[in-house]
Amino acid sequence: MRDVTQDYSCLALNTATLGHNMAGMGAGWTPEQTIEACAERGIRGIVFWRREIAGRALEIGRYAHSVGVEVIGLCRAPFLTGPLAFESERAILDDFRYAVEETAELRAPVLTIVTGGIQPGTRGVSRSLADVERLVSDVLPYAEQCDVKLALEPLHPMYGGDRSCLMTTRDALDICDRFRSKHLGIAVDVYHTWWDTDLPRQLARAGDRIFGYHVCDWLSPTEDMLLDRGMMGDGIADLKGIRRDVEAAGYAGFCEVEIFSSRNWWQRRPEEVLDVMIERFQTFC
């Protein structure tokens, strides 16, 4: 297990942690300023959301590279299933392919997939997971051509209605098993998986198919299903234990801090959030 108490070069920022603190989105930082703030603090990885870099992926990717910050991923592919997905399957596939293109233009290796929820008019997860698998099979060859990895991200079961039909690492790996592509794997998010007693076994099974590791903490009590994630050390997740298992499986990539916190961390100055993020990562992760 890597010692991050002295060397936090594996730390990365997901810009959601700053409340998508971008110029034109209700705040003042451009993507370039966010990149610069990371570079100044020795944060060497960053993940953007598509709405933050729309139309500027190539330019932003080049800038990050020029100052020594790696864009390690892009959030996210469109919802593939459920009530929040585009009505037309053609629109879903077109946007999915465009997301792959944006990821490649950023020079980012990974596009995260949050599947979307249960298909309207159906019950249970089987039909929706089958649709996810079918749509991934349509776009995976294009992702391979663009050398972009697709990371299926299981979400906590509380999102099982509208946001995700994929709720366990086991089910995500079952899909990966059926493709056996080096460009299809999983993203492991502490917020969504900390509760799963089968997680250590599934991580060992995943091996080199872990394409991303997302860090925050689970607050108890949690006051909002979406926007009340904790800063590391403020909650009850076994952060060091999960990272130990992730790295024992062979993962040696970035640890990406992704915190949705409308009532706390999003209310603070982004500089403060970044500084606390570093300290908490070195102490609790």
Protein backbone atom coordinates (compact mmCIF):
# COMPACT_ATOMS: atom_id res chain seq x y z
CA MET A 1 0.00 0.00 0.00
CA ARG A 2 1.44 3.35 -1.03
CA ASP A 3 2.52 5.75 1.73
CA VAL A 4 0.72 9.03 1.00
CA THR A 5 1.70 10.73 4.24
CA GLN A 6 4.78 12.23 2.60
CA ASP A 7 4.13 11.80 -1.12
CA TYR A 8 0.62 12.64 -2.34
CA SER A 9 1.50 12.64 -6.04
CA CYS A 10 -1.30 10.10 -6.60
CA LEU A 11 -3.93 12.61 -5.45
CA ALA A 12 -6.37 13.94 -8.04
CA LEU A 13 -9.24 16.43 -8.00
CA ASN A 14 -12.66 15.78 -9.41
CA THR A 15 -13.95 19.28 -10.06
CA ALA A 16 -17.32 18.43 -8.50
CA THR A 17 -15.48 18.81 -5.17
CA LEU A 18 -15.34 22.55 -5.81
CA GLY A 19 -19.01 22.68 -6.69
CA HIS A 20 -18.18 22.79 -10.41
CA ASN A 21 -16.58 26.13 -9.55
CA MET A 22 -16.24 27.32 -13.14
CA ALA A 23 -16.64 30.69 -14.81
CA GLY A 24 -20.03 30.83 -16.44
CA MET A 25 -21.43 28.29 -13.96
CA GLY A 26 -22.16 30.66 -11.08
CA ALA A 27 -18.56 31.00 -9.93
CA GLY A 28 -15.34 32.52 -11.10
CA TRP A 29 -12.71 29.95 -12.09
CA THR A 30 -12.00 28.89 -15.63
CA PRO A 31 -10.80 25.33 -16.23
CA GLU A 32 -7.32 26.78 -16.68
CA GLN A 33 -7.45 28.46 -13.27
CA THR A 34 -8.56 25.22 -11.66
CA ILE A 35 -5.67 23.42 -13.35
CA GLU A 36 -3.25 26.11 -12.13
CA ALA A 37 -4.53 25.85 -8.55
CA CYS A 38 -3.90 22.11 -8.66
CA ALA A 39 -0.43 22.54 -10.14
CA GLU A 40 0.52 25.08 -7.46
CA ARG A 41 -0.37 22.57 -4.75
CA GLY A 42 1.21 19.52 -6.31
CA ILE A 43 -2.13 17.94 -7.21
CA ARG A 44 -1.11 16.17 -10.40
CA GLY A 45 -4.42 14.76 -11.63
CA ILE A 46 -7.77 16.30 -12.48
CA VAL A 47 -11.15 15.08 -13.71
CA PHE A 48 -13.57 17.42 -15.44
CA TRP A 49 -17.27 17.16 -16.11
CA ARG A 50 -18.41 17.50 -19.69
CA ARG A 51 -20.42 20.67 -19.14
CA GLU A 52 -17.28 22.39 -17.86
CA ILE A 53 -15.18 21.76 -20.95
CA ALA A 54 -17.87 21.79 -23.65
CA GLY A 55 -16.32 22.71 -26.99
CA ARG A 56 -12.85 23.24 -25.48
CA ALA A 57 -11.65 19.73 -24.71
CA LEU A 58 -8.59 19.81 -26.96
CA GLU A 59 -7.51 23.24 -25.70
CA ILE A 60 -7.97 22.38 -22.03
CA GLY A 61 -6.21 19.04 -22.39
CA ARG A 62 -3.21 20.72 -23.98
CA TYR A 63 -3.06 23.38 -21.27
CA ALA A 64 -3.17 20.83 -18.45
CA HIS A 65 -0.36 18.87 -20.09
CA SER A 66 1.72 22.04 -20.44
CA VAL A 67 1.69 22.75 -16.69
CA GLY A 68 2.23 19.18 -15.58
CA VAL A 69 -1.33 18.22 -14.60
CA GLU A 70 -2.81 15.08 -16.10
CA VAL A 71 -6.47 15.00 -17.06
CA ILE A 72 -7.15 11.49 -15.84
CA GLY A 73 -10.79 11.16 -16.78
CA LEU A 74 -14.03 12.72 -17.90
CA CYS A 75 -17.44 12.57 -16.23
CA ARG A 76 -19.48 11.15 -17.78
CA ALA A 77 -21.21 9.24 -20.57
CA PRO A 78 -24.93 9.96 -20.91
CA PHE A 79 -27.41 7.91 -18.93
CA LEU A 80 -28.00 4.80 -21.00
CA THR A 81 -31.24 3.71 -19.34
CA GLY A 82 -34.02 4.95 -17.11
CA PRO A 83 -36.18 8.04 -16.79
CA LEU A 84 -33.27 10.51 -17.00
CA ALA A 85 -31.91 9.14 -20.29
CA PHE A 86 -32.56 10.70 -23.68
CA GLU A 87 -35.86 9.50 -25.13
CA SER A 88 -34.23 8.31 -28.35
CA GLU A 89 -31.71 5.47 -28.33
CA ARG A 90 -30.06 7.11 -31.31
CA ALA A 91 -29.54 10.27 -29.25
CA ILE A 92 -28.04 8.20 -26.42
CA LEU A 93 -25.58 6.48 -28.74
CA ASP A 94 -24.64 9.69 -30.54
CA ASP A 95 -23.90 11.46 -27.25
CA PHE A 96 -22.07 8.41 -25.92
CA ARG A 97 -19.73 8.45 -28.92
CA TYR A 98 -19.27 12.20 -28.61
CA ALA A 99 -18.29 11.74 -24.96
CA VAL A 100 -15.65 9.26 -26.10
CA GLU A 101 -14.34 11.85 -28.57
CA GLU A 102 -14.19 14.54 -25.87
CA THR A 103 -12.26 12.20 -23.60
CA ALA A 104 -9.73 11.53 -26.34
CA GLU A 105 -9.36 15.24 -27.09
CA LEU A 106 -8.63 15.91 -23.41
CA ARG A 107 -5.87 13.27 -23.56
CA ALA A 108 -7.75 11.56 -20.74
CA PRO A 109 -7.60 7.77 -20.55
CA VAL A 110 -11.01 7.09 -18.97
CA LEU A 111 -14.65 7.96 -19.56
CA THR A 112 -16.87 7.15 -16.58
CA ILE A 113 -20.24 5.51 -17.17
CA VAL A 114 -23.11 6.05 -14.76
CA THR A 115 -25.64 3.74 -16.31
CA GLY A 116 -28.95 5.41 -15.57
CA GLY A 117 -31.86 3.88 -13.77
CA ILE A 118 -34.60 1.36 -14.31
CA GLN A 119 -36.25 1.39 -17.72
CA PRO A 120 -39.77 2.86 -17.60
CA GLY A 121 -42.43 0.20 -17.53
CA THR A 122 -40.08 -2.49 -16.17
CA ARG A 123 -39.38 -3.90 -12.72
CA GLY A 124 -36.15 -5.11 -11.22
CA VAL A 125 -32.76 -4.57 -12.82
CA SER A 126 -32.36 -7.40 -15.32
CA ARG A 127 -33.93 -5.71 -18.37
CA SER A 128 -32.12 -2.44 -17.69
CA LEU A 129 -28.73 -4.11 -17.22
CA ALA A 130 -29.24 -5.99 -20.47
CA ASP A 131 -29.89 -2.68 -22.23
CA VAL A 132 -26.75 -1.20 -20.69
CA GLU A 133 -24.73 -4.13 -21.96
CA ARG A 134 -26.20 -3.81 -25.44
CA LEU A 135 -25.47 -0.08 -25.69
CA VAL A 136 -21.94 -0.51 -24.35
CA SER A 137 -21.35 -3.19 -26.97
CA ASP A 138 -22.32 -0.70 -29.66
CA VAL A 139 -19.84 1.99 -28.52
CA LEU A 140 -16.99 -0.11 -27.13
CA PRO A 141 -15.35 -0.70 -30.55
CA TYR A 142 -15.26 3.06 -31.10
CA ALA A 143 -13.75 3.59 -27.63
CA GLU A 144 -11.10 1.00 -28.47
CA GLN A 145 -10.38 2.82 -31.73
CA CYS A 146 -9.97 6.10 -29.82
CA ASP A 147 -7.95 4.36 -27.06
CA VAL A 148 -10.44 5.49 -24.40
CA LYS A 149 -11.26 3.18 -21.51
CA LEU A 150 -14.88 2.91 -20.37
CA ALA A 151 -15.34 2.60 -16.60
CA LEU A 152 -18.65 1.24 -15.35
CA GLU A 153 -19.39 2.85 -11.99
CA PRO A 154 -21.79 1.07 -9.64
CA LEU A 155 -23.83 3.47 -7.52
CA HIS A 156 -25.20 3.07 -4.03
CA PRO A 157 -28.57 1.26 -4.03
CA MET A 158 -30.36 4.43 -2.94
CA TYR A 159 -29.91 5.61 -6.55
CA GLY A 160 -31.52 2.45 -7.88
CA GLY A 161 -34.62 4.10 -9.29
CA ASP A 162 -33.53 6.97 -11.52
CA ARG A 163 -29.74 7.11 -11.66
CA SER A 164 -28.42 3.58 -11.71
CA CYS A 165 -29.49 0.03 -12.45
CA LEU A 166 -25.89 -1.02 -11.66
CA MET A 167 -25.44 -1.16 -7.89
CA THR A 168 -22.73 -3.71 -7.12
CA THR A 169 -19.15 -4.17 -8.19
CA ARG A 170 -20.04 -7.82 -8.83
CA ASP A 171 -22.62 -6.91 -11.49
CA ALA A 172 -20.22 -4.44 -13.11
CA LEU A 173 -17.54 -7.12 -13.38
CA ASP A 174 -20.04 -9.62 -14.72
CA ILE A 175 -20.63 -7.25 -17.64
CA CYS A 176 -16.89 -6.81 -18.13
CA ASP A 177 -16.41 -10.57 -18.13
CA ARG A 178 -18.72 -10.95 -21.10
CA PHE A 179 -16.69 -8.50 -23.21
CA ARG A 180 -13.12 -9.24 -22.11
CA SER A 181 -11.89 -5.97 -23.55
CA LYS A 182 -8.90 -4.12 -22.12
CA HIS A 183 -10.94 -0.96 -22.66
CA LEU A 184 -13.84 -1.91 -20.38
CA GLY A 185 -13.49 -1.92 -16.61
CA ILE A 186 -14.86 -0.35 -13.45
CA ALA A 187 -14.62 2.76 -11.32
CA VAL A 188 -14.63 2.15 -7.57
CA ASP A 189 -16.20 4.98 -5.58
CA VAL A 190 -15.95 4.79 -1.80
CA TYR A 191 -19.28 6.60 -1.42
CA HIS A 192 -21.09 3.93 -3.40
CA THR A 193 -19.25 0.81 -2.26
CA TRP A 194 -18.11 1.26 1.36
CA TRP A 195 -21.06 -0.77 2.65
CA ASP A 196 -20.50 -3.83 0.45
CA THR A 197 -19.03 -6.73 2.46
CA ASP A 198 -18.25 -8.52 -0.80
CA LEU A 199 -16.12 -5.63 -2.04
CA PRO A 200 -12.67 -7.07 -1.11
CA ARG A 201 -13.38 -10.26 -3.05
CA GLN A 202 -14.69 -8.36 -6.05
CA LEU A 203 -11.69 -6.02 -6.09
CA ALA A 204 -9.34 -9.00 -6.13
CA ARG A 205 -11.40 -10.38 -9.00
CA ALA A 206 -11.20 -7.06 -10.87
CA GLY A 207 -7.41 -6.91 -11.03
CA ASP A 208 -6.25 -4.58 -13.78
CA ARG A 209 -9.82 -3.72 -14.70
CA ILE A 210 -9.99 -1.04 -11.99
CA PHE A 211 -9.78 2.15 -14.06
CA GLY A 212 -10.56 4.68 -11.33
CA TYR A 213 -10.73 5.05 -7.55
CA HIS A 214 -12.94 7.82 -6.11
CA VAL A 215 -12.58 9.06 -2.55
CA CYS A 216 -14.81 10.91 -0.09
CA ASP A 217 -16.55 9.87 3.14
CA TRP A 218 -20.01 8.70 4.19
CA LEU A 219 -21.58 11.01 6.76
CA SER A 220 -23.80 9.55 9.45
CA PRO A 221 -26.49 10.72 9.31
CA THR A 222 -26.57 11.66 5.64
CA GLU A 223 -28.99 14.54 5.10
CA ASP A 224 -29.21 14.53 1.30
CA MET A 225 -29.02 11.52 -1.00
CA LEU A 226 -26.98 13.35 -3.62
CA LEU A 227 -25.36 16.44 -2.15
CA ASP A 228 -24.12 15.52 1.34
CA ARG A 229 -20.88 13.64 0.86
CA GLY A 230 -18.23 14.07 3.51
CA MET A 231 -14.64 15.17 3.37
CA MET A 232 -12.30 12.32 4.20
CA GLY A 233 -12.19 11.76 7.96
CA ASP A 234 -15.62 13.21 8.66
CA GLY A 235 -17.54 9.97 8.19
CA ILE A 236 -17.60 6.24 8.81
CA ALA A 237 -16.10 4.67 5.67
CA ASP A 238 -12.96 2.56 6.09
CA LEU A 239 -10.92 4.62 3.66
CA LYS A 240 -7.53 3.07 4.35
CA GLY A 241 -8.96 -0.42 4.24
CA ILE A 242 -10.64 0.12 0.90
CA ARG A 243 -7.53 1.68 -0.63
CA ARG A 244 -5.47 -1.23 0.66
CA ASP A 245 -7.76 -3.66 -1.15
CA VAL A 246 -7.86 -1.56 -4.32
CA GLU A 247 -4.07 -1.39 -4.46
CA ALA A 248 -3.67 -5.06 -3.53
CA ALA A 249 -5.67 -5.81 -6.67
CA GLY A 250 -2.97 -4.03 -8.67
CA TYR A 251 -4.33 -0.50 -8.97
CA ALA A 252 -1.53 2.08 -8.99
CA GLY A 253 -3.40 5.05 -10.44
CA PHE A 254 -4.74 8.26 -9.00
CA CYS A 255 -7.02 8.59 -5.98
CA GLU A 256 -9.69 11.00 -7.16
CA VAL A 257 -11.46 13.11 -4.55
CA GLU A 258 -15.09 13.60 -5.55
CA ILE A 259 -17.32 15.38 -3.03
CA PHE A 260 -20.84 16.67 -3.59
CA SER A 261 -21.54 18.94 -0.61
CA SER A 262 -23.99 21.77 -1.26
CA ARG A 263 -24.32 22.81 2.40
CA ASN A 264 -20.69 22.60 3.47
CA TRP A 265 -17.72 22.30 1.13
CA TRP A 266 -19.38 24.00 -1.82
CA GLN A 267 -19.95 27.02 0.43
CA ARG A 268 -16.22 27.47 1.09
CA ARG A 269 -13.50 29.15 -0.90
CA PRO A 270 -12.09 26.66 -3.41
CA GLU A 271 -8.55 27.36 -2.23
CA GLU A 272 -9.53 26.22 1.27
CA VAL A 273 -11.21 23.09 -0.07
CA LEU A 274 -8.08 22.09 -2.00
CA ASP A 275 -5.81 22.65 0.99
CA VAL A 276 -8.05 20.66 3.35
CA MET A 277 -8.39 17.96 0.70
CA ILE A 278 -4.63 17.43 0.65
CA GLU A 279 -4.33 17.32 4.44
CA ARG A 280 -7.24 14.92 4.86
CA PHE A 281 -6.00 12.65 2.09
CA GLN A 282 -2.61 12.32 3.74
CA THR A 283 -4.17 11.75 7.17
CA PHE A 284 -7.18 9.51 6.58
CA CYS A 285 -6.67 7.77 3.24
